[in-house]
Protein backbone atom coordinates (compact mmCIF):
# COMPACT_ATOMS: atom_id res chain seq x y z
CA MET A 1 34.35 -11.90 35.41
CA LEU A 2 34.34 -12.04 31.38
CA THR A 3 31.39 -10.93 29.42
CA THR A 4 30.50 -12.84 26.35
CA VAL A 5 28.88 -11.34 23.33
CA SER A 6 26.89 -13.46 20.95
CA THR A 7 28.19 -13.80 17.41
CA THR A 8 24.69 -12.75 16.05
CA GLU A 9 24.82 -9.39 17.99
CA VAL A 10 28.48 -8.78 16.76
CA SER A 11 27.44 -9.73 13.09
CA ALA A 12 24.37 -7.63 13.23
CA ASP A 13 26.33 -4.50 14.81
CA SER A 14 28.97 -4.92 12.09
CA ILE A 15 26.49 -5.19 9.28
CA TRP A 16 24.37 -2.09 10.54
CA ARG A 17 27.69 0.00 10.93
CA GLY A 18 28.54 -0.68 7.27
CA ALA A 19 24.90 0.02 6.30
CA GLN A 20 25.06 3.35 8.29
CA LYS A 21 28.21 4.46 6.30
CA MET A 22 26.46 3.89 3.00
CA LEU A 23 23.18 5.69 4.14
CA GLN A 24 25.17 8.69 5.19
CA THR A 25 26.25 9.11 1.67
CA LEU A 26 22.84 8.41 0.16
CA LEU A 27 20.75 10.75 2.39
CA ASN A 28 20.41 14.21 3.42
CA ALA A 29 22.31 14.85 6.75
CA ASP A 30 19.29 16.05 8.68
CA ILE A 31 17.23 13.00 7.52
CA TYR A 32 19.93 10.55 8.46
CA ASN A 33 20.67 12.26 11.85
CA LEU A 34 16.89 12.31 12.70
CA TRP A 35 15.87 8.71 11.50
CA PHE A 36 18.84 6.60 11.13
CA SER A 37 21.53 7.69 13.48
CA PRO A 38 19.51 6.63 16.81
CA ILE A 39 18.95 3.11 15.39
CA ARG A 40 20.75 0.23 17.04
CA ALA A 41 21.22 -3.34 15.70
CA VAL A 42 19.80 -5.94 18.13
CA SER A 43 20.20 -9.20 16.55
CA LEU A 44 20.73 -11.26 13.27
CA ARG A 45 18.85 -14.50 12.99
CA ASP A 46 19.32 -16.28 9.50
CA ASP A 47 18.30 -13.51 7.09
CA VAL A 48 16.42 -11.37 9.47
CA ILE A 49 18.09 -8.36 11.23
CA THR A 50 16.25 -6.77 14.23
CA LEU A 51 16.80 -2.95 14.53
CA GLU A 52 15.83 -1.11 17.70
CA VAL A 53 14.21 2.47 17.13
CA LEU A 54 13.26 5.04 19.65
CA ASN A 55 9.51 4.70 19.66
CA ASP A 56 6.36 3.50 17.83
CA PHE A 57 6.24 6.49 15.62
CA CYS A 58 9.77 5.82 14.27
CA GLU A 59 8.83 2.23 13.56
CA VAL A 60 5.81 3.28 11.44
CA TRP A 61 7.58 6.12 9.71
CA LEU A 62 10.53 3.93 8.73
CA THR A 63 8.30 1.09 7.76
CA GLU A 64 6.14 3.50 5.49
CA ASN A 65 8.99 5.35 4.01
CA TYR A 66 12.41 3.61 4.13
CA LEU A 67 11.93 -0.13 4.56
CA SER A 68 12.98 -0.95 0.91
CA LEU A 69 16.05 1.36 1.32
CA LEU A 70 17.11 -0.27 4.63
CA GLN A 71 16.75 -3.76 3.35
CA ASP A 72 18.66 -2.90 0.13
CA THR A 73 21.49 -1.31 1.87
CA LEU A 74 21.83 -4.08 4.57
CA SER A 75 21.78 -6.73 1.83
CA HIS A 76 24.44 -4.87 -0.06
CA THR A 77 26.59 -4.60 3.08
CA ALA A 78 26.06 -8.21 4.22
CA ALA A 79 26.39 -9.58 0.58
CA GLN A 80 23.16 -11.61 1.06
CA SER A 81 19.41 -10.86 1.09
CA ILE A 82 18.53 -9.20 4.39
CA LYS A 83 14.99 -8.63 5.82
CA VAL A 84 14.42 -5.99 8.55
CA THR A 85 12.10 -6.18 11.57
CA PHE A 86 11.87 -3.32 14.26
CA GLN A 87 11.57 -3.33 18.03
CA VAL A 88 10.77 -0.32 20.08
CA ALA A 89 13.39 0.60 22.77
CA THR A 90 12.27 0.12 26.34
CA ARG A 91 12.46 3.50 28.19
CA GLY A 92 14.18 3.83 31.47
CA VAL A 93 12.63 5.37 34.65
CA GLY A 94 13.88 8.81 33.85
CA THR A 95 12.37 8.96 30.44
CA VAL A 96 9.00 7.55 30.87
CA ASN A 97 7.16 10.87 30.57
CA SER A 98 9.40 12.23 27.72
CA SER A 99 7.63 12.76 24.53
CA ALA A 100 9.04 11.38 21.33
CA SER A 101 9.87 14.87 20.17
CA THR A 102 12.27 15.37 23.27
CA ILE A 103 14.06 12.01 22.60
CA VAL A 104 14.46 12.64 18.83
CA ALA A 105 15.73 16.28 19.54
CA GLN A 106 18.35 14.88 21.94
CA LYS A 107 19.49 12.18 19.69
CA ALA A 108 19.64 14.17 16.52
CA SER A 109 21.13 17.57 15.73
CA VAL A 110 18.52 18.90 13.26
CA HIS A 111 16.68 22.10 12.86
CA PRO A 112 13.98 22.57 15.57
CA SER A 113 11.33 22.99 12.87
CA ILE A 114 11.62 19.49 11.68
CA VAL A 115 10.89 18.00 14.97
CA GLU A 116 8.16 20.65 15.71
CA GLU A 117 6.29 19.88 12.50
CA LEU A 118 6.27 16.07 13.11
CA THR A 119 5.44 16.14 16.89
CA SER A 120 3.32 19.17 17.38
CA ARG A 121 0.07 19.12 19.55
CA THR A 122 0.18 15.38 20.59
CA PRO A 123 3.12 13.24 21.63
CA LEU A 124 3.93 10.87 18.79
CA ARG A 125 3.55 7.88 21.02
CA GLU A 126 -0.08 8.80 21.65
CA THR A 127 -1.25 9.28 18.15
CA PRO A 128 -1.83 6.47 15.57
CA PHE A 129 -1.56 8.81 12.52
CA ASN A 130 1.21 8.87 10.01
CA PRO A 131 2.25 12.57 9.93
CA ASN A 132 2.88 12.20 6.28
CA ASN A 133 -0.71 11.31 5.50
CA THR A 134 -2.25 14.81 5.33
CA PHE A 135 -4.57 16.58 3.03
CA GLU A 136 -1.56 18.54 1.73
CA THR A 137 0.31 15.47 0.72
CA TYR A 138 -2.72 13.79 -0.85
CA VAL A 139 -2.55 13.99 -4.70
CA VAL A 140 -6.02 14.63 -6.13
CA GLY A 141 -7.15 13.40 -9.55
CA ASN A 142 -10.39 12.40 -11.26
CA ASN A 143 -10.20 9.03 -9.55
CA ASN A 144 -10.50 10.52 -5.85
CA ASN A 145 -11.51 14.17 -6.07
CA PHE A 146 -15.02 13.59 -4.65
CA ALA A 147 -13.73 11.25 -1.82
CA HIS A 148 -11.08 13.93 -0.99
CA ALA A 149 -13.69 16.83 -1.11
CA ALA A 150 -15.99 14.92 1.20
CA ALA A 151 -13.29 13.91 3.59
CA SER A 152 -12.18 17.68 3.76
CA ALA A 153 -15.59 18.85 4.39
CA VAL A 154 -16.03 16.20 7.27
CA ALA A 155 -12.70 17.21 8.77
CA GLN A 156 -13.75 20.97 8.82
CA ALA A 157 -17.22 20.42 10.27
CA PRO A 158 -17.41 16.87 11.89
CA GLY A 159 -20.91 15.70 12.80
CA LYS A 160 -22.52 18.59 10.61
CA SER A 161 -22.93 16.68 7.35
CA TYR A 162 -22.07 13.26 5.77
CA ASN A 163 -22.45 11.39 8.68
CA PRO A 164 -21.38 8.64 8.33
CA LEU A 165 -18.94 9.04 5.55
CA PHE A 166 -18.27 5.78 3.90
CA LEU A 167 -15.26 5.43 1.75
CA TYR A 168 -14.68 2.29 -0.26
CA GLY A 169 -11.96 1.14 -2.91
CA GLY A 170 -9.29 -1.34 -3.50
CA VAL A 171 -6.06 -1.93 -1.58
CA GLY A 172 -3.58 0.94 -1.73
CA LEU A 173 -5.94 3.59 -3.29
CA GLY A 174 -5.54 6.10 -0.38
CA LYS A 175 -8.53 5.13 1.91
CA THR A 176 -6.25 5.13 5.14
CA HIS A 177 -4.40 8.35 3.91
CA LEU A 178 -7.79 10.21 4.04
CA LEU A 179 -8.68 8.73 7.40
CA HIS A 180 -5.38 9.80 8.72
CA ALA A 181 -5.78 13.30 7.03
CA ILE A 182 -9.26 13.74 8.77
CA GLY A 183 -7.93 12.77 12.14
CA GLN A 184 -4.80 14.99 12.03
CA HIS A 185 -6.78 17.91 10.80
CA VAL A 186 -9.32 17.54 13.65
CA LEU A 187 -6.62 17.16 16.25
CA ALA A 188 -4.96 20.34 15.01
CA HIS A 189 -7.97 22.49 14.70
CA LYS A 190 -10.29 21.22 17.49
CA LYS A 191 -8.26 21.08 20.55
CA ASN A 192 -10.95 19.45 22.91
CA PHE A 193 -12.11 16.88 20.40
CA LYS A 194 -11.66 13.13 21.24
CA VAL A 195 -10.56 11.42 18.24
CA THR A 196 -10.47 7.69 18.05
CA TYR A 197 -9.02 5.72 15.14
CA VAL A 198 -9.15 1.93 15.02
CA SER A 199 -9.12 -0.92 12.53
CA SER A 200 -12.16 -3.19 12.73
CA GLU A 201 -9.72 -6.03 13.65
CA LYS A 202 -8.37 -4.10 16.60
CA PHE A 203 -11.98 -3.14 17.55
CA THR A 204 -12.82 -6.75 17.67
CA ASN A 205 -9.70 -7.69 19.71
CA GLU A 206 -10.45 -5.01 22.23
CA TYR A 207 -14.08 -6.15 22.56
CA ILE A 208 -12.83 -9.78 23.28
CA ASP A 209 -10.38 -8.44 25.79
CA GLY A 210 -13.22 -6.62 27.43
CA ILE A 211 -15.28 -9.65 27.83
CA GLN A 212 -12.32 -11.83 29.22
CA ASN A 213 -11.26 -9.00 31.63
CA ASN A 214 -14.73 -8.00 32.63
CA SER A 215 -14.00 -4.47 31.27
CA LEU A 216 -16.75 -3.94 28.68
CA ALA A 217 -17.82 -0.66 30.34
CA LYS A 218 -14.44 0.80 29.86
CA PHE A 219 -14.43 -0.34 26.22
CA ARG A 220 -17.80 1.09 25.56
CA LYS A 221 -16.83 4.36 27.05
CA LYS A 222 -13.71 4.72 25.06
CA TYR A 223 -15.63 4.39 21.72
CA ARG A 224 -19.06 5.88 22.51
CA GLN A 225 -17.59 9.10 24.05
CA SER A 226 -15.65 9.77 20.80
CA ASP A 227 -16.28 13.00 19.02
CA LEU A 228 -14.74 11.47 15.91
CA LEU A 229 -14.58 7.72 15.30
CA LEU A 230 -12.50 6.55 12.39
CA ILE A 231 -12.87 2.82 11.52
CA ASP A 232 -10.65 1.11 8.93
CA ASP A 233 -11.52 -1.85 6.87
CA VAL A 234 -15.09 -2.48 8.12
CA GLN A 235 -15.34 -5.48 5.89
CA PHE A 236 -13.73 -7.60 8.62
CA LEU A 237 -16.81 -7.16 10.84
CA ALA A 238 -18.59 -9.49 8.45
CA GLY A 239 -19.54 -12.90 10.04
CA LYS A 240 -18.88 -11.67 13.53
CA GLU A 241 -22.31 -11.54 15.04
CA ARG A 242 -21.51 -10.32 18.55
CA ILE A 243 -19.10 -7.84 17.24
CA GLN A 244 -21.59 -6.52 14.86
CA GLU A 245 -24.23 -6.29 17.57
CA GLU A 246 -21.65 -4.25 19.80
CA PHE A 247 -20.82 -1.95 16.78
CA PHE A 248 -24.37 -1.42 15.96
CA HIS A 249 -25.03 0.04 19.44
CA THR A 250 -21.86 2.07 19.23
CA PHE A 251 -22.89 3.50 15.92
CA ASN A 252 -26.29 4.36 17.17
CA ALA A 253 -25.04 6.10 20.29
CA LEU A 254 -22.52 8.30 18.35
CA HIS A 255 -24.94 8.98 15.61
CA GLU A 256 -27.68 10.11 17.92
CA ALA A 257 -25.16 12.40 19.59
CA HIS A 258 -24.14 13.90 16.36
CA ARG A 259 -20.66 12.68 16.54
CA GLN A 260 -18.90 11.98 13.28
CA ILE A 261 -18.19 8.56 11.98
CA VAL A 262 -15.92 7.76 9.01
CA LEU A 263 -15.66 4.21 7.67
CA THR A 264 -13.42 2.64 5.16
CA CYS A 265 -14.20 -0.63 3.29
CA ASP A 266 -12.89 -2.56 0.25
CA ARG A 267 -16.30 -2.64 -1.54
CA PRO A 268 -19.70 -1.05 -1.19
CA ALA A 269 -21.58 -1.82 1.82
CA SER A 270 -24.40 -3.48 -0.13
CA GLU A 271 -21.85 -6.01 -1.55
CA LEU A 272 -20.63 -7.11 1.87
CA GLN A 273 -21.58 -10.81 2.63
CA ASN A 274 -22.48 -11.99 6.23
CA LEU A 275 -23.09 -8.41 7.47
CA GLU A 276 -26.37 -7.52 9.14
CA GLN A 277 -28.72 -5.59 6.98
CA ARG A 278 -29.34 -2.95 9.80
CA LEU A 279 -25.54 -2.08 9.67
CA ILE A 280 -25.50 -1.92 5.83
CA SER A 281 -28.44 0.35 6.05
CA ARG A 282 -26.71 2.72 8.45
CA PHE A 283 -23.49 2.80 6.65
CA GLU A 284 -25.47 4.18 3.81
CA TRP A 285 -27.25 6.84 5.87
CA GLY A 286 -24.71 9.47 5.13
CA LEU A 287 -22.29 9.89 2.03
CA VAL A 288 -21.04 6.84 0.17
CA THR A 289 -18.09 7.47 -2.23
CA ASP A 290 -15.55 5.46 -3.79
CA LEU A 291 -11.74 5.78 -4.80
CA GLN A 292 -10.68 4.32 -8.13
CA PRO A 293 -7.01 3.53 -9.39
CA PRO A 294 -5.48 6.70 -10.51
CA GLU A 295 -5.22 7.73 -14.08
CA VAL A 296 -1.77 8.21 -15.61
CA GLU A 297 -1.55 11.93 -15.00
CA THR A 298 -2.34 11.50 -11.38
CA ARG A 299 0.17 8.68 -11.09
CA ILE A 300 2.91 10.93 -12.43
CA ALA A 301 1.96 13.64 -9.91
CA ILE A 302 1.94 11.07 -7.11
CA LEU A 303 5.48 9.89 -8.08
CA ARG A 304 6.83 13.41 -8.34
CA LYS A 305 5.43 14.39 -5.00
CA LYS A 306 6.67 11.42 -3.31
CA ALA A 307 10.23 11.72 -4.95
CA LEU A 308 10.37 15.43 -3.73
CA SER A 309 9.37 14.49 -0.21
CA MET A 310 11.95 11.80 0.01
CA GLU A 311 14.66 13.91 -1.90
CA ILE A 312 14.86 11.41 -4.70
CA LYS A 313 16.18 12.38 -8.11
CA LEU A 314 14.76 10.50 -11.01
CA SER A 315 14.52 11.58 -14.69
CA ASP A 316 11.05 12.29 -16.09
CA GLU A 317 11.52 9.30 -18.44
CA ILE A 318 11.79 6.92 -15.56
CA ILE A 319 8.89 8.46 -13.69
CA ASN A 320 6.69 8.33 -16.92
CA PHE A 321 7.77 4.59 -17.35
CA ILE A 322 6.70 3.68 -13.89
CA ALA A 323 3.45 5.68 -14.00
CA THR A 324 2.34 4.14 -17.28
CA ARG A 325 3.30 0.69 -16.33
CA ILE A 326 2.02 0.37 -12.74
CA ARG A 327 -1.60 1.09 -12.47
CA ALA A 328 -3.44 -1.09 -9.72
CA ASN A 329 -2.69 1.14 -6.66
CA ILE A 330 -0.63 3.90 -5.19
CA ARG A 331 1.22 1.65 -2.68
CA ARG A 332 2.62 -0.37 -5.37
CA LEU A 333 3.57 2.61 -7.45
CA GLU A 334 5.54 4.27 -4.56
CA GLY A 335 7.17 0.91 -3.73
CA ALA A 336 8.45 0.90 -7.30
CA LEU A 337 9.69 4.33 -7.00
CA VAL A 338 11.71 3.55 -3.87
CA ARG A 339 13.12 0.26 -5.48
CA VAL A 340 14.56 2.03 -8.51
CA ALA A 341 15.75 5.06 -6.64
CA SER A 342 17.52 2.78 -4.09
CA TYR A 343 19.27 0.79 -6.73
CA ALA A 344 20.44 4.10 -8.44
CA ALA A 345 21.67 5.40 -5.20
CA LEU A 346 23.32 2.33 -3.96
CA THR A 347 25.15 1.43 -7.27
CA GLY A 348 25.95 4.92 -8.55
CA LYS A 349 24.76 3.69 -12.10
CA HIS A 350 22.64 5.46 -14.78
CA LEU A 351 19.11 4.33 -14.51
CA SER A 352 17.83 3.39 -17.99
CA ILE A 353 14.31 2.19 -18.92
CA GLU A 354 15.79 -1.32 -19.54
CA THR A 355 17.43 -1.40 -15.92
CA ALA A 356 14.07 -0.11 -14.42
CA GLU A 357 12.20 -2.82 -16.33
CA SER A 358 14.50 -5.42 -14.91
CA LEU A 359 14.33 -4.11 -11.30
CA LEU A 360 10.51 -4.09 -11.57
CA ARG A 361 10.03 -7.40 -13.33
CA ASP A 362 8.03 -9.09 -10.63
CA ILE A 363 5.91 -6.06 -9.86
CA LEU A 364 5.12 -5.65 -13.58
CA SER A 365 4.45 -9.11 -13.98
CA GLU A 366 1.93 -9.02 -11.09
CA GLU A 367 0.48 -5.75 -12.36
CA GLY A 368 -0.38 -7.51 -15.80
CA ARG A 369 -2.06 -10.36 -14.00
CA MET A 370 -4.07 -8.16 -11.79
CA VAL A 371 -5.36 -5.83 -14.39
CA LEU A 372 -5.76 -8.03 -17.61
CA SER A 373 -8.74 -9.99 -18.55
CA MET A 374 -9.05 -12.52 -21.46
CA ASP A 375 -11.60 -10.34 -23.03
CA THR A 376 -9.03 -7.49 -23.16
CA ILE A 377 -6.36 -9.85 -24.69
CA GLN A 378 -8.97 -11.19 -27.24
CA LYS A 379 -9.76 -7.64 -28.31
CA LYS A 380 -6.16 -6.46 -28.62
CA VAL A 381 -5.06 -9.41 -30.55
CA ALA A 382 -8.13 -9.40 -32.87
CA GLU A 383 -7.54 -5.73 -33.55
CA HIS A 384 -3.85 -6.27 -34.34
CA TYR A 385 -4.59 -9.13 -36.82
CA ASP A 386 -7.68 -7.34 -38.30
CA ILE A 387 -10.19 -10.04 -37.59
CA ARG A 388 -13.56 -10.04 -35.90
CA LEU A 389 -13.63 -10.40 -32.03
CA ALA A 390 -16.22 -13.15 -32.66
CA ASP A 391 -13.56 -15.28 -34.40
CA MET A 392 -11.81 -15.76 -31.17
CA THR A 393 -14.65 -17.95 -29.95
CA SER A 394 -15.76 -19.35 -33.39
CA LYS A 395 -15.14 -22.87 -34.69
CA ARG A 396 -13.70 -21.52 -37.93
CA ARG A 397 -10.16 -22.80 -38.59
CA PRO A 398 -8.69 -20.87 -41.61
CA GLU A 399 -5.06 -19.95 -40.84
CA ASN A 400 -5.65 -16.25 -40.79
CA ILE A 401 -8.08 -16.84 -37.91
CA ALA A 402 -6.69 -19.91 -36.18
CA PHE A 403 -3.17 -18.36 -35.65
CA PRO A 404 -4.43 -15.04 -34.04
CA ARG A 405 -6.70 -17.32 -31.70
CA GLN A 406 -3.74 -19.34 -30.79
CA VAL A 407 -1.71 -16.18 -30.13
CA ALA A 408 -4.43 -15.03 -27.71
CA MET A 409 -4.62 -18.28 -25.96
CA PHE A 410 -0.79 -18.21 -25.37
CA LEU A 411 -0.96 -14.60 -24.06
CA SER A 412 -3.82 -15.54 -21.93
CA ARG A 413 -1.80 -18.33 -20.37
CA GLN A 414 1.20 -15.92 -20.00
CA LEU A 415 -0.45 -12.93 -18.59
CA THR A 416 -3.33 -14.29 -16.41
CA ASP A 417 -3.62 -16.81 -13.65
CA ASN A 418 -6.41 -18.69 -15.28
CA SER A 419 -6.20 -22.42 -15.92
CA LEU A 420 -6.02 -24.09 -19.28
CA THR A 421 -9.65 -25.20 -18.81
CA THR A 422 -10.83 -21.69 -17.98
CA ILE A 423 -8.94 -20.24 -20.99
CA GLY A 424 -10.44 -22.87 -23.32
CA GLU A 425 -14.03 -22.01 -22.02
CA ALA A 426 -13.26 -18.34 -22.91
CA PHE A 427 -12.31 -19.27 -26.36
CA GLY A 428 -15.66 -20.88 -27.53
CA GLY A 429 -15.66 -23.85 -25.12
CA ARG A 430 -12.51 -25.50 -26.28
CA ASP A 431 -10.85 -28.15 -24.03
CA HIS A 432 -7.46 -27.74 -22.11
CA GLY A 433 -5.71 -29.88 -24.62
CA THR A 434 -6.40 -27.45 -27.46
CA VAL A 435 -5.10 -24.57 -25.35
CA MET A 436 -1.97 -26.58 -24.40
CA HIS A 437 -1.34 -27.30 -28.08
CA ALA A 438 -1.87 -23.64 -29.02
CA CYS A 439 0.71 -22.58 -26.23
CA ARG A 440 3.25 -25.14 -27.35
CA LEU A 441 2.77 -24.13 -31.06
CA ILE A 442 3.27 -20.39 -30.49
CA LYS A 443 6.29 -20.92 -28.22
CA GLY A 444 7.84 -23.10 -30.83
CA ARG A 445 7.09 -20.47 -33.62
CA MET A 446 8.60 -17.81 -31.44
CA GLU A 447 11.80 -19.82 -31.04
CA VAL A 448 12.39 -20.27 -34.94
CA ASP A 449 10.57 -17.27 -36.57
CA PRO A 450 11.78 -13.76 -35.42
CA SER A 451 8.69 -12.07 -36.97
CA VAL A 452 6.50 -14.13 -34.78
CA ARG A 453 8.54 -13.46 -31.71
CA GLN A 454 8.57 -9.83 -32.33
CA THR A 455 4.87 -9.54 -32.88
CA VAL A 456 3.96 -11.74 -29.73
CA ASN A 457 6.31 -9.56 -27.55
CA PHE A 458 5.05 -6.39 -29.10
CA LEU A 459 1.48 -7.54 -28.19
CA GLU A 460 2.52 -8.50 -24.79
CA ARG A 461 4.17 -5.08 -24.02
CA GLN A 462 1.08 -3.33 -25.35
CA LEU A 463 -1.24 -5.40 -23.07
CA GLN A 464 0.81 -4.50 -20.12
CA ARG A 465 0.98 -0.77 -20.65
């Protein structure tokens, strides 16, 4: 009997084999053997390749640390853009009770200490924490030192003070890292503690499942008997009345028993809409602290630490460039690092500032849109042309005022997502036609006058730094 093999499987396998050869030349042998050697290509559908990994932990670790490198390598091998998805291998009867550490050790010939460090105390399939998210790997700066100190204090003495601990800040600023660090520290130092980590979305889904399966008692036991409850993204509880009622009673049960609660949110509790006041009040019972975007010195330290942990070699010039141009959040900062490092490793070419800027063009553009306001643009342009800020919104039309105002309108259109009407309102209530005329005028002047082009480009670079 003949066995047929699908062309997608053959194609996926051949592409993966080619990528593996390239990865072996790019990565330290121990890292390759531990994380990449056990991977199997499953299928290729259009531009998406599915790779099979040993366990949930491997999926999380590869997604967090090597997804960009995998996609770049596979795209290079396939000569087309490739996206990666993972699926976890189904274990056979004989391996059901094997821990991930045993499986990885069998598959990869690496020094035992590597596996021990990653899999100590709790089997990896049973812990939701990224082992890279520890207090030791967290880079502390003026933007997060208070939050880090509070999280460390809670981890050392859960339930004793700062209960609850409420951490808030924008996306990618390290809130989840601190949650993981607290959880892992407690698991490591308090053997009998029951640690529960969950997103508010998963909490909601489990509650709904409990209702549908008539298993609310089991759901409540899971959360209300925790010694440490870590809840990520509590803003998603807003607008869900029954979930809020359930969480209210869960919170009370834990707090009255002096069990530690740590919550993260994207904004202060007082600014949450459609959240019951009694919950907001309880969120503020303990310590509330925020995380801000890191300053440039902290961003440089983050990049250096990440590069060291991933065995990436980049010049100080490139690291400083990334740190000064990407300010919004840490996740984007590290993503930029992986992208430029992957390019350098894959092509073998010297990485210049110009090349890095080209590679990160989309990120830099988005960065500028996120952090720039029209007020900032008006101030910068007024300062450059030595006019008053008030002239940006005045009705005065002398050339030495009208032209800088038009430049500011043009830059507002280029560097923000504001509509023509919104821009016009910010410039003294002018209509969208006036803004459109200003943009066309400046664009035309830039095409024929090198001095205008240089000035506008200079201002754009300054605003994006």
